[in-house]
Amino acid sequence: MILCSIYETPLLEGQKELAKKYGIEVFEKPHPGSQIKHIGLNPTTNTWYGWSHRAIAGFKVGDTVKKGDVIADGNAAYLRGGRRFPVGFTAKSLQDARDMAATFADEVS
């Protein structure tokens, strides 16, 4: 059984589908104020995913923010707890990729 990280609780039905389809093994809240775990890591590909009921996107080291991206600075209508990313920003670490996934999850929810 794959468990959500932090609290070691069983996965919800939708999370089971994400785990199977995208190889997500670690589920986390995007930031401390979040009520649900809607980011996750595929440790095999080192890809962080962010999602809501509307969309899902994966981010990894080397990904670059482009004009028009949901997470691009100036493009986001609001920001609940993540970072804004300037156009041209390139993820240099897994933490950057995680932050990008968290911002994406916030923006599409």
PDB file of N, CA and C in Angstrom:
ATOM      1  N   MET A   1       0.847  -1.178   0.000  1.00  0.00           N
ATOM      2  CA  MET A   1       0.000   0.000   0.000  1.00  0.00           C
ATOM      3  C   MET A   1       0.887   1.234   0.000  1.00  0.00           C
ATOM      4  N   ILE A   2       0.575   2.191  -0.877  1.00  0.00           N
ATOM      5  CA  ILE A   2       1.277   3.474  -0.886  1.00  0.00           C
ATOM      6  C   ILE A   2       0.576   4.372   0.113  1.00  0.00           C
ATOM      7  N   LEU A   3       1.354   5.045   0.932  1.00  0.00           N
ATOM      8  CA  LEU A   3       0.799   5.918   1.954  1.00  0.00           C
ATOM      9  C   LEU A   3       1.139   7.367   1.664  1.00  0.00           C
ATOM     10  N   CYS A   4       0.276   8.261   2.106  1.00  0.00           N
ATOM     11  CA  CYS A   4       0.594   9.679   2.028  1.00  0.00           C
ATOM     12  C   CYS A   4       1.734   9.953   2.983  1.00  0.00           C
ATOM     13  N   SER A   5       2.688  10.779   2.576  1.00  0.00           N
ATOM     14  CA  SER A   5       3.769  11.139   3.468  1.00  0.00           C
ATOM     15  C   SER A   5       3.255  12.014   4.594  1.00  0.00           C
ATOM     16  N   ILE A   6       4.052  12.279   5.547  1.00  0.00           N
ATOM     17  CA  ILE A   6       3.819  13.105   6.720  1.00  0.00           C
ATOM     18  C   ILE A   6       2.923  12.395   7.726  1.00  0.00           C
ATOM     19  N   TYR A   7       1.668  12.075   7.379  1.00  0.00           N
ATOM     20  CA  TYR A   7       0.754  11.482   8.350  1.00  0.00           C
ATOM     21  C   TYR A   7       0.588   9.982   8.185  1.00  0.00           C
ATOM     22  N   GLU A   8       1.160   9.408   7.119  1.00  0.00           N
ATOM     23  CA  GLU A   8       1.080   7.978   6.863  1.00  0.00           C
ATOM     24  C   GLU A   8      -0.361   7.483   6.843  1.00  0.00           C
ATOM     25  N   THR A   9      -1.197   8.184   6.118  1.00  0.00           N
ATOM     26  CA  THR A   9      -2.593   7.793   5.983  1.00  0.00           C
ATOM     27  C   THR A   9      -2.808   7.122   4.631  1.00  0.00           C
ATOM     28  N   PRO A  10      -3.783   6.239   4.531  1.00  0.00           N
ATOM     29  CA  PRO A  10      -4.042   5.602   3.228  1.00  0.00           C
ATOM     30  C   PRO A  10      -4.430   6.635   2.183  1.00  0.00           C
ATOM     31  N   LEU A  11      -4.145   6.321   0.936  1.00  0.00           N
ATOM     32  CA  LEU A  11      -4.471   7.223  -0.164  1.00  0.00           C
ATOM     33  C   LEU A  11      -5.967   7.256  -0.417  1.00  0.00           C
ATOM     34  N   LEU A  12      -6.441   8.417  -0.862  1.00  0.00           N
ATOM     35  CA  LEU A  12      -7.814   8.545  -1.321  1.00  0.00           C
ATOM     36  C   LEU A  12      -7.919   7.905  -2.699  1.00  0.00           C
ATOM     37  N   GLU A  13      -9.117   7.621  -3.149  1.00  0.00           N
ATOM     38  CA  GLU A  13      -9.302   6.949  -4.435  1.00  0.00           C
ATOM     39  C   GLU A  13      -8.634   7.710  -5.583  1.00  0.00           C
ATOM     40  N   GLY A  14      -8.805   9.027  -5.654  1.00  0.00           N
ATOM     41  CA  GLY A  14      -8.177   9.814  -6.714  1.00  0.00           C
ATOM     42  C   GLY A  14      -6.659   9.773  -6.648  1.00  0.00           C
ATOM     43  N   GLN A  15      -6.124   9.731  -5.430  1.00  0.00           N
ATOM     44  CA  GLN A  15      -4.669   9.652  -5.273  1.00  0.00           C
ATOM     45  C   GLN A  15      -4.147   8.305  -5.742  1.00  0.00           C
ATOM     46  N   LYS A  16      -4.909   7.257  -5.564  1.00  0.00           N
ATOM     47  CA  LYS A  16      -4.504   5.929  -6.037  1.00  0.00           C
ATOM     48  C   LYS A  16      -4.358   5.946  -7.561  1.00  0.00           C
ATOM     49  N   GLU A  17      -5.296   6.621  -8.228  1.00  0.00           N
ATOM     50  CA  GLU A  17      -5.233   6.723  -9.689  1.00  0.00           C
ATOM     51  C   GLU A  17      -3.992   7.507 -10.122  1.00  0.00           C
ATOM     52  N   LEU A  18      -3.704   8.617  -9.427  1.00  0.00           N
ATOM     53  CA  LEU A  18      -2.515   9.416  -9.747  1.00  0.00           C
ATOM     54  C   LEU A  18      -1.246   8.613  -9.497  1.00  0.00           C
ATOM     55  N   ALA A  19      -1.227   7.876  -8.402  1.00  0.00           N
ATOM     56  CA  ALA A  19      -0.048   7.064  -8.080  1.00  0.00           C
ATOM     57  C   ALA A  19       0.222   6.067  -9.197  1.00  0.00           C
ATOM     58  N   LYS A  20      -0.817   5.437  -9.671  1.00  0.00           N
ATOM     59  CA  LYS A  20      -0.656   4.436 -10.723  1.00  0.00           C
ATOM     60  C   LYS A  20      -0.267   5.076 -12.059  1.00  0.00           C
ATOM     61  N   LYS A  21      -0.976   6.138 -12.455  1.00  0.00           N
ATOM     62  CA  LYS A  21      -0.753   6.744 -13.765  1.00  0.00           C
ATOM     63  C   LYS A  21       0.570   7.496 -13.867  1.00  0.00           C
ATOM     64  N   TYR A  22       0.960   8.218 -12.795  1.00  0.00           N
ATOM     65  CA  TYR A  22       2.141   9.082 -12.857  1.00  0.00           C
ATOM     66  C   TYR A  22       3.312   8.596 -12.002  1.00  0.00           C
ATOM     67  N   GLY A  23       3.160   7.482 -11.320  1.00  0.00           N
ATOM     68  CA  GLY A  23       4.254   6.944 -10.503  1.00  0.00           C
ATOM     69  C   GLY A  23       4.515   7.744  -9.243  1.00  0.00           C
ATOM     70  N   ILE A  24       3.506   8.468  -8.776  1.00  0.00           N
ATOM     71  CA  ILE A  24       3.670   9.289  -7.576  1.00  0.00           C
ATOM     72  C   ILE A  24       3.673   8.403  -6.346  1.00  0.00           C
ATOM     73  N   GLU A  25       4.704   8.545  -5.540  1.00  0.00           N
ATOM     74  CA  GLU A  25       4.829   7.751  -4.321  1.00  0.00           C
ATOM     75  C   GLU A  25       4.794   8.594  -3.058  1.00  0.00           C
ATOM     76  N   VAL A  26       5.037   9.897  -3.192  1.00  0.00           N
ATOM     77  CA  VAL A  26       5.051  10.803  -2.040  1.00  0.00           C
ATOM     78  C   VAL A  26       3.983  11.865  -2.277  1.00  0.00           C
ATOM     79  N   PHE A  27       3.015  11.953  -1.388  1.00  0.00           N
ATOM     80  CA  PHE A  27       1.950  12.957  -1.481  1.00  0.00           C
ATOM     81  C   PHE A  27       2.117  13.949  -0.340  1.00  0.00           C
ATOM     82  N   GLU A  28       2.042  15.239  -0.677  1.00  0.00           N
ATOM     83  CA  GLU A  28       2.217  16.286   0.337  1.00  0.00           C
ATOM     84  C   GLU A  28       1.244  17.427   0.117  1.00  0.00           C
ATOM     85  N   LYS A  29       1.066  18.228   1.167  1.00  0.00           N
ATOM     86  CA  LYS A  29       0.363  19.499   1.031  1.00  0.00           C
ATOM     87  C   LYS A  29       1.329  20.467   0.361  1.00  0.00           C
ATOM     88  N   PRO A  30       0.832  21.351  -0.514  1.00  0.00           N
ATOM     89  CA  PRO A  30       1.746  22.274  -1.190  1.00  0.00           C
ATOM     90  C   PRO A  30       2.366  23.295  -0.257  1.00  0.00           C
ATOM     91  N   HIS A  31       1.669  23.646   0.820  1.00  0.00           N
ATOM     92  CA  HIS A  31       2.184  24.584   1.811  1.00  0.00           C
ATOM     93  C   HIS A  31       1.418  24.348   3.105  1.00  0.00           C
ATOM     94  N   PRO A  32       1.936  24.822   4.230  1.00  0.00           N
ATOM     95  CA  PRO A  32       1.318  24.524   5.527  1.00  0.00           C
ATOM     96  C   PRO A  32      -0.154  24.917   5.644  1.00  0.00           C
ATOM     97  N   GLY A  33      -0.611  25.950   4.967  1.00  0.00           N
ATOM     98  CA  GLY A  33      -1.994  26.386   5.080  1.00  0.00           C
ATOM     99  C   GLY A  33      -2.980  25.569   4.260  1.00  0.00           C
ATOM    100  N   SER A  34      -2.482  24.673   3.436  1.00  0.00           N
ATOM    101  CA  SER A  34      -3.351  23.876   2.577  1.00  0.00           C
ATOM    102  C   SER A  34      -4.084  22.818   3.382  1.00  0.00           C
ATOM    103  N   GLN A  35      -5.303  22.531   2.967  1.00  0.00           N
ATOM    104  CA  GLN A  35      -6.108  21.522   3.652  1.00  0.00           C
ATOM    105  C   GLN A  35      -5.951  20.126   3.049  1.00  0.00           C
ATOM    106  N   ILE A  36      -5.475  20.042   1.797  1.00  0.00           N
ATOM    107  CA  ILE A  36      -5.360  18.745   1.147  1.00  0.00           C
ATOM    108  C   ILE A  36      -3.972  18.548   0.552  1.00  0.00           C
ATOM    109  N   LYS A  37      -3.651  17.299   0.302  1.00  0.00           N
ATOM    110  CA  LYS A  37      -2.364  16.953  -0.309  1.00  0.00           C
ATOM    111  C   LYS A  37      -2.571  16.869  -1.815  1.00  0.00           C
ATOM    112  N   HIS A  38      -2.183  17.925  -2.526  1.00  0.00           N
ATOM    113  CA  HIS A  38      -2.358  17.899  -3.968  1.00  0.00           C
ATOM    114  C   HIS A  38      -1.080  18.236  -4.728  1.00  0.00           C
ATOM    115  N   ILE A  39       0.048  17.814  -4.155  1.00  0.00           N
ATOM    116  CA  ILE A  39       1.294  17.723  -4.913  1.00  0.00           C
ATOM    117  C   ILE A  39       1.910  16.371  -4.576  1.00  0.00           C
ATOM    118  N   GLY A  40       2.716  15.859  -5.486  1.00  0.00           N
ATOM    119  CA  GLY A  40       3.317  14.564  -5.243  1.00  0.00           C
ATOM    120  C   GLY A  40       4.570  14.369  -6.072  1.00  0.00           C
ATOM    121  N   LEU A  41       5.421  13.466  -5.599  1.00  0.00           N
ATOM    122  CA  LEU A  41       6.715  13.201  -6.237  1.00  0.00           C
ATOM    123  C   LEU A  41       6.774  11.803  -6.819  1.00  0.00           C
ATOM    124  N   ASN A  42       7.247  11.725  -8.060  1.00  0.00           N
ATOM    125  CA  ASN A  42       7.627  10.456  -8.651  1.00  0.00           C
ATOM    126  C   ASN A  42       9.136  10.361  -8.435  1.00  0.00           C
ATOM    127  N   PRO A  43       9.596   9.543  -7.477  1.00  0.00           N
ATOM    128  CA  PRO A  43      11.018   9.498  -7.164  1.00  0.00           C
ATOM    129  C   PRO A  43      11.884   8.842  -8.243  1.00  0.00           C
ATOM    130  N   THR A  44      11.269   8.082  -9.125  1.00  0.00           N
ATOM    131  CA  THR A  44      12.022   7.443 -10.201  1.00  0.00           C
ATOM    132  C   THR A  44      12.477   8.467 -11.238  1.00  0.00           C
ATOM    133  N   THR A  45      11.580   9.405 -11.569  1.00  0.00           N
ATOM    134  CA  THR A  45      11.901  10.421 -12.574  1.00  0.00           C
ATOM    135  C   THR A  45      12.262  11.765 -11.943  1.00  0.00           C
ATOM    136  N   ASN A  46      12.184  11.845 -10.601  1.00  0.00           N
ATOM    137  CA  ASN A  46      12.409  13.103  -9.867  1.00  0.00           C
ATOM    138  C   ASN A  46      11.519  14.212 -10.406  1.00  0.00           C
ATOM    139  N   THR A  47      10.249  13.878 -10.603  1.00  0.00           N
ATOM    140  CA  THR A  47       9.267  14.833 -11.089  1.00  0.00           C
ATOM    141  C   THR A  47       8.248  15.117 -10.000  1.00  0.00           C
ATOM    142  N   TRP A  48       8.061  16.406  -9.687  1.00  0.00           N
ATOM    143  CA  TRP A  48       7.015  16.839  -8.768  1.00  0.00           C
ATOM    144  C   TRP A  48       5.784  17.175  -9.596  1.00  0.00           C
ATOM    145  N   TYR A  49       4.619  16.701  -9.178  1.00  0.00           N
ATOM    146  CA  TYR A  49       3.355  16.987  -9.841  1.00  0.00           C
ATOM    147  C   TYR A  49       2.488  17.852  -8.944  1.00  0.00           C
ATOM    148  N   GLY A  50       1.772  18.767  -9.559  1.00  0.00           N
ATOM    149  CA  GLY A  50       0.752  19.555  -8.874  1.00  0.00           C
ATOM    150  C   GLY A  50      -0.543  19.358  -9.627  1.00  0.00           C
ATOM    151  N   TRP A  51      -1.679  19.307  -8.918  1.00  0.00           N
ATOM    152  CA  TRP A  51      -2.946  19.055  -9.585  1.00  0.00           C
ATOM    153  C   TRP A  51      -4.125  19.602  -8.785  1.00  0.00           C
ATOM    154  N   SER A  52      -5.230  19.659  -9.474  1.00  0.00           N
ATOM    155  CA  SER A  52      -6.535  19.911  -8.875  1.00  0.00           C
ATOM    156  C   SER A  52      -7.512  19.074  -9.689  1.00  0.00           C
ATOM    157  N   HIS A  53      -8.771  19.336  -9.524  1.00  0.00           N
ATOM    158  CA  HIS A  53      -9.771  18.619 -10.320  1.00  0.00           C
ATOM    159  C   HIS A  53      -9.756  19.067 -11.780  1.00  0.00           C
ATOM    160  N   ARG A  54      -9.048  20.155 -12.084  1.00  0.00           N
ATOM    161  CA  ARG A  54      -9.030  20.704 -13.448  1.00  0.00           C
ATOM    162  C   ARG A  54      -7.840  20.270 -14.292  1.00  0.00           C
ATOM    163  N   ALA A  55      -6.676  20.117 -13.659  1.00  0.00           N
ATOM    164  CA  ALA A  55      -5.458  19.886 -14.444  1.00  0.00           C
ATOM    165  C   ALA A  55      -4.367  19.273 -13.579  1.00  0.00           C
ATOM    166  N   ILE A  56      -3.365  18.709 -14.242  1.00  0.00           N
ATOM    167  CA  ILE A  56      -2.169  18.194 -13.576  1.00  0.00           C
ATOM    168  C   ILE A  56      -0.966  18.574 -14.430  1.00  0.00           C
ATOM    169  N   ALA A  57       0.155  18.875 -13.778  1.00  0.00           N
ATOM    170  CA  ALA A  57       1.388  19.189 -14.501  1.00  0.00           C
ATOM    171  C   ALA A  57       2.573  18.695 -13.685  1.00  0.00           C
ATOM    172  N   GLY A  58       3.607  18.245 -14.385  1.00  0.00           N
ATOM    173  CA  GLY A  58       4.823  17.769 -13.739  1.00  0.00           C
ATOM    174  C   GLY A  58       5.971  18.746 -13.945  1.00  0.00           C
ATOM    175  N   PHE A  59       6.835  18.841 -12.926  1.00  0.00           N
ATOM    176  CA  PHE A  59       7.968  19.762 -12.955  1.00  0.00           C
ATOM    177  C   PHE A  59       9.212  19.040 -12.457  1.00  0.00           C
ATOM    178  N   LYS A  60      10.331  19.262 -13.143  1.00  0.00           N
ATOM    179  CA  LYS A  60      11.590  18.657 -12.724  1.00  0.00           C
ATOM    180  C   LYS A  60      12.738  19.625 -12.957  1.00  0.00           C
ATOM    181  N   VAL A  61      13.895  19.277 -12.448  1.00  0.00           N
ATOM    182  CA  VAL A  61      15.086  20.108 -12.626  1.00  0.00           C
ATOM    183  C   VAL A  61      15.312  20.311 -14.121  1.00  0.00           C
ATOM    184  N   GLY A  62      15.555  21.564 -14.503  1.00  0.00           N
ATOM    185  CA  GLY A  62      15.777  21.899 -15.903  1.00  0.00           C
ATOM    186  C   GLY A  62      14.566  22.491 -16.597  1.00  0.00           C
ATOM    187  N   ASP A  63      13.370  22.371 -15.986  1.00  0.00           N
ATOM    188  CA  ASP A  63      12.172  22.968 -16.582  1.00  0.00           C
ATOM    189  C   ASP A  63      12.243  24.492 -16.477  1.00  0.00           C
ATOM    190  N   THR A  64      11.794  25.170 -17.521  1.00  0.00           N
ATOM    191  CA  THR A  64      11.854  26.628 -17.585  1.00  0.00           C
ATOM    192  C   THR A  64      10.449  27.203 -17.729  1.00  0.00           C
ATOM    193  N   VAL A  65      10.178  28.276 -16.988  1.00  0.00           N
ATOM    194  CA  VAL A  65       8.893  28.968 -17.052  1.00  0.00           C
ATOM    195  C   VAL A  65       8.840  29.794 -18.331  1.00  0.00           C
ATOM    196  N   LYS A  66       7.719  29.646 -19.044  1.00  0.00           N
ATOM    197  CA  LYS A  66       7.527  30.372 -20.300  1.00  0.00           C
ATOM    198  C   LYS A  66       6.376  31.366 -20.161  1.00  0.00           C
ATOM    199  N   LYS A  67       6.378  32.371 -21.005  1.00  0.00           N
ATOM    200  CA  LYS A  67       5.299  33.358 -21.014  1.00  0.00           C
ATOM    201  C   LYS A  67       3.968  32.636 -21.212  1.00  0.00           C
ATOM    202  N   GLY A  68       2.996  32.987 -20.389  1.00  0.00           N
ATOM    203  CA  GLY A  68       1.680  32.370 -20.471  1.00  0.00           C
ATOM    204  C   GLY A  68       1.488  31.177 -19.551  1.00  0.00           C
ATOM    205  N   ASP A  69       2.573  30.653 -18.974  1.00  0.00           N
ATOM    206  CA  ASP A  69       2.443  29.543 -18.026  1.00  0.00           C
ATOM    207  C   ASP A  69       1.642  29.992 -16.810  1.00  0.00           C
ATOM    208  N   VAL A  70       0.848  29.106 -16.270  1.00  0.00           N
ATOM    209  CA  VAL A  70       0.028  29.413 -15.098  1.00  0.00           C
ATOM    210  C   VAL A  70       0.875  29.924 -13.940  1.00  0.00           C
ATOM    211  N   ILE A  71       2.086  29.429 -13.809  1.00  0.00           N
ATOM    212  CA  ILE A  71       2.940  29.801 -12.669  1.00  0.00           C
ATOM    213  C   ILE A  71       3.814  31.019 -12.938  1.00  0.00           C
ATOM    214  N   ALA A  72       3.711  31.576 -14.144  1.00  0.00           N
ATOM    215  CA  ALA A  72       4.553  32.723 -14.509  1.00  0.00           C
ATOM    216  C   ALA A  72       4.147  33.966 -13.728  1.00  0.00           C
ATOM    217  N   ASP A  73       5.130  34.719 -13.267  1.00  0.00           N
ATOM    218  CA  ASP A  73       4.898  35.982 -12.560  1.00  0.00           C
ATOM    219  C   ASP A  73       4.085  36.896 -13.461  1.00  0.00           C
ATOM    220  N   GLY A  74       3.071  37.510 -12.889  1.00  0.00           N
ATOM    221  CA  GLY A  74       2.227  38.402 -13.662  1.00  0.00           C
ATOM    222  C   GLY A  74       1.075  37.701 -14.349  1.00  0.00           C
ATOM    223  N   ASN A  75       1.127  36.388 -14.445  1.00  0.00           N
ATOM    224  CA  ASN A  75       0.062  35.627 -15.082  1.00  0.00           C
ATOM    225  C   ASN A  75      -0.941  35.107 -14.054  1.00  0.00           C
ATOM    226  N   ALA A  76      -0.473  34.946 -12.815  1.00  0.00           N
ATOM    227  CA  ALA A  76      -1.331  34.375 -11.781  1.00  0.00           C
ATOM    228  C   ALA A  76      -2.318  35.416 -11.265  1.00  0.00           C
ATOM    229  N   ALA A  77      -3.575  35.042 -11.181  1.00  0.00           N
ATOM    230  CA  ALA A  77      -4.613  35.950 -10.685  1.00  0.00           C
ATOM    231  C   ALA A  77      -4.452  36.188  -9.185  1.00  0.00           C
ATOM    232  N   TYR A  78      -4.003  35.190  -8.487  1.00  0.00           N
ATOM    233  CA  TYR A  78      -3.766  35.299  -7.048  1.00  0.00           C
ATOM    234  C   TYR A  78      -2.782  34.212  -6.652  1.00  0.00           C
ATOM    235  N   LEU A  79      -2.282  34.303  -5.461  1.00  0.00           N
ATOM    236  CA  LEU A  79      -1.311  33.322  -4.996  1.00  0.00           C
ATOM    237  C   LEU A  79      -1.577  33.051  -3.525  1.00  0.00           C
ATOM    238  N   ARG A  80      -1.870  31.809  -3.199  1.00  0.00           N
ATOM    239  CA  ARG A  80      -2.247  31.477  -1.830  1.00  0.00           C
ATOM    240  C   ARG A  80      -1.079  31.134  -0.922  1.00  0.00           C
ATOM    241  N   GLY A  81      -0.047  30.535  -1.431  1.00  0.00           N
ATOM    242  CA  GLY A  81       1.035  30.156  -0.536  1.00  0.00           C
ATOM    243  C   GLY A  81       2.309  29.776  -1.242  1.00  0.00           C
ATOM    244  N   GLY A  82       2.286  29.798  -2.553  1.00  0.00           N
ATOM    245  CA  GLY A  82       3.460  29.402  -3.303  1.00  0.00           C
ATOM    246  C   GLY A  82       4.314  30.579  -3.720  1.00  0.00           C
ATOM    247  N   ARG A  83       5.232  30.311  -4.632  1.00  0.00           N
ATOM    248  CA  ARG A  83       6.122  31.335  -5.169  1.00  0.00           C
ATOM    249  C   ARG A  83       5.617  31.786  -6.523  1.00  0.00           C
ATOM    250  N   ARG A  84       6.006  32.970  -6.902  1.00  0.00           N
ATOM    251  CA  ARG A  84       5.799  33.416  -8.279  1.00  0.00           C
ATOM    252  C   ARG A  84       7.132  33.183  -9.006  1.00  0.00           C
ATOM    253  N   PHE A  85       7.044  32.864 -10.280  1.00  0.00           N
ATOM    254  CA  PHE A  85       8.245  32.559 -11.045  1.00  0.00           C
ATOM    255  C   PHE A  85       8.341  33.475 -12.255  1.00  0.00           C
ATOM    256  N   PRO A  86       9.465  34.184 -12.394  1.00  0.00           N
ATOM    257  CA  PRO A  86       9.629  35.039 -13.572  1.00  0.00           C
ATOM    258  C   PRO A  86       9.780  34.193 -14.830  1.00  0.00           C
ATOM    259  N   VAL A  87       9.315  34.738 -15.953  1.00  0.00           N
ATOM    260  CA  VAL A  87       9.519  34.070 -17.235  1.00  0.00           C
ATOM    261  C   VAL A  87      11.019  33.870 -17.410  1.00  0.00           C
ATOM    262  N   GLY A  88      11.411  32.675 -17.796  1.00  0.00           N
ATOM    263  CA  GLY A  88      12.829  32.345 -17.963  1.00  0.00           C
ATOM    264  C   GLY A  88      13.428  31.640 -16.761  1.00  0.00           C
ATOM    265  N   PHE A  89      12.695  31.587 -15.642  1.00  0.00           N
ATOM    266  CA  PHE A  89      13.205  30.882 -14.454  1.00  0.00           C
ATOM    267  C   PHE A  89      13.356  29.405 -14.796  1.00  0.00           C
ATOM    268  N   THR A  90      14.495  28.827 -14.421  1.00  0.00           N
ATOM    269  CA  THR A  90      14.746  27.411 -14.632  1.00  0.00           C
ATOM    270  C   THR A  90      14.954  26.731 -13.290  1.00  0.00           C
ATOM    271  N   ALA A  91      14.238  25.632 -13.084  1.00  0.00           N
ATOM    272  CA  ALA A  91      14.376  24.866 -11.840  1.00  0.00           C
ATOM    273  C   ALA A  91      15.789  24.285 -11.761  1.00  0.00           C
ATOM    274  N   LYS A  92      16.479  24.620 -10.674  1.00  0.00           N
ATOM    275  CA  LYS A  92      17.852  24.140 -10.486  1.00  0.00           C
ATOM    276  C   LYS A  92      17.941  23.043  -9.430  1.00  0.00           C
ATOM    277  N   SER A  93      16.840  22.806  -8.712  1.00  0.00           N
ATOM    278  CA  SER A  93      16.835  21.804  -7.644  1.00  0.00           C
ATOM    279  C   SER A  93      15.455  21.162  -7.555  1.00  0.00           C
ATOM    280  N   LEU A  94      15.385  20.057  -6.835  1.00  0.00           N
ATOM    281  CA  LEU A  94      14.086  19.431  -6.601  1.00  0.00           C
ATOM    282  C   LEU A  94      13.171  20.351  -5.803  1.00  0.00           C
ATOM    283  N   GLN A  95      13.741  21.185  -4.932  1.00  0.00           N
ATOM    284  CA  GLN A  95      12.924  22.134  -4.177  1.00  0.00           C
ATOM    285  C   GLN A  95      12.282  23.144  -5.116  1.00  0.00           C
ATOM    286  N   ASP A  96      13.033  23.621  -6.118  1.00  0.00           N
ATOM    287  CA  ASP A  96      12.451  24.522  -7.117  1.00  0.00           C
ATOM    288  C   ASP A  96      11.291  23.827  -7.833  1.00  0.00           C
ATOM    289  N   ALA A  97      11.503  22.574  -8.239  1.00  0.00           N
ATOM    290  CA  ALA A  97      10.458  21.822  -8.937  1.00  0.00           C
ATOM    291  C   ALA A  97       9.245  21.629  -8.033  1.00  0.00           C
ATOM    292  N   ARG A  98       9.479  21.355  -6.753  1.00  0.00           N
ATOM    293  CA  ARG A  98       8.382  21.201  -5.798  1.00  0.00           C
ATOM    294  C   ARG A  98       7.607  22.513  -5.673  1.00  0.00           C
ATOM    295  N   ASP A  99       8.327  23.626  -5.573  1.00  0.00           N
ATOM    296  CA  ASP A  99       7.672  24.934  -5.462  1.00  0.00           C
ATOM    297  C   ASP A  99       6.845  25.248  -6.713  1.00  0.00           C
ATOM    298  N   MET A 100       7.350  24.872  -7.874  1.00  0.00           N
ATOM    299  CA  MET A 100       6.608  25.083  -9.116  1.00  0.00           C
ATOM    300  C   MET A 100       5.310  24.255  -9.113  1.00  0.00           C
ATOM    301  N   ALA A 101       5.411  23.011  -8.665  1.00  0.00           N
ATOM    302  CA  ALA A 101       4.228  22.149  -8.589  1.00  0.00           C
ATOM    303  C   ALA A 101       3.209  22.703  -7.590  1.00  0.00           C
ATOM    304  N   ALA A 102       3.702  23.207  -6.459  1.00  0.00           N
ATOM    305  CA  ALA A 102       2.804  23.769  -5.442  1.00  0.00           C
ATOM    306  C   ALA A 102       2.072  24.992  -5.974  1.00  0.00           C
ATOM    307  N   THR A 103       2.796  25.867  -6.665  1.00  0.00           N
ATOM    308  CA  THR A 103       2.165  27.056  -7.232  1.00  0.00           C
ATOM    309  C   THR A 103       1.137  26.654  -8.295  1.00  0.00           C
ATOM    310  N   PHE A 104       1.490  25.690  -9.134  1.00  0.00           N
ATOM    311  CA  PHE A 104       0.554  25.207 -10.151  1.00  0.00           C
ATOM    312  C   PHE A 104      -0.723  24.679  -9.499  1.00  0.00           C
ATOM    313  N   ALA A 105      -0.566  23.849  -8.472  1.00  0.00           N
ATOM    314  CA  ALA A 105      -1.728  23.271  -7.796  1.00  0.00           C
ATOM    315  C   ALA A 105      -2.621  24.368  -7.221  1.00  0.00           C
ATOM    316  N   ASP A 106      -2.028  25.382  -6.630  1.00  0.00           N
ATOM    317  CA  ASP A 106      -2.810  26.501  -6.082  1.00  0.00           C
ATOM    318  C   ASP A 106      -3.546  27.261  -7.177  1.00  0.00           C
ATOM    319  N   GLU A 107      -2.859  27.506  -8.272  1.00  0.00           N
ATOM    320  CA  GLU A 107      -3.421  28.341  -9.336  1.00  0.00           C
ATOM    321  C   GLU A 107      -4.544  27.653 -10.101  1.00  0.00           C
ATOM    322  N   VAL A 108      -4.520  26.343 -10.210  1.00  0.00           N
ATOM    323  CA  VAL A 108      -5.569  25.642 -10.980  1.00  0.00           C
ATOM    324  C   VAL A 108      -6.699  25.130 -10.097  1.00  0.00           C
ATOM    325  N   SER A 109      -6.581  25.318  -8.792  1.00  0.00           N
ATOM    326  CA  SER A 109      -7.653  24.813  -7.907  1.00  0.00           C
ATOM    327  C   SER A 109      -8.772  25.819  -7.753  1.00  0.00           C
TER     328      SER A 109
END
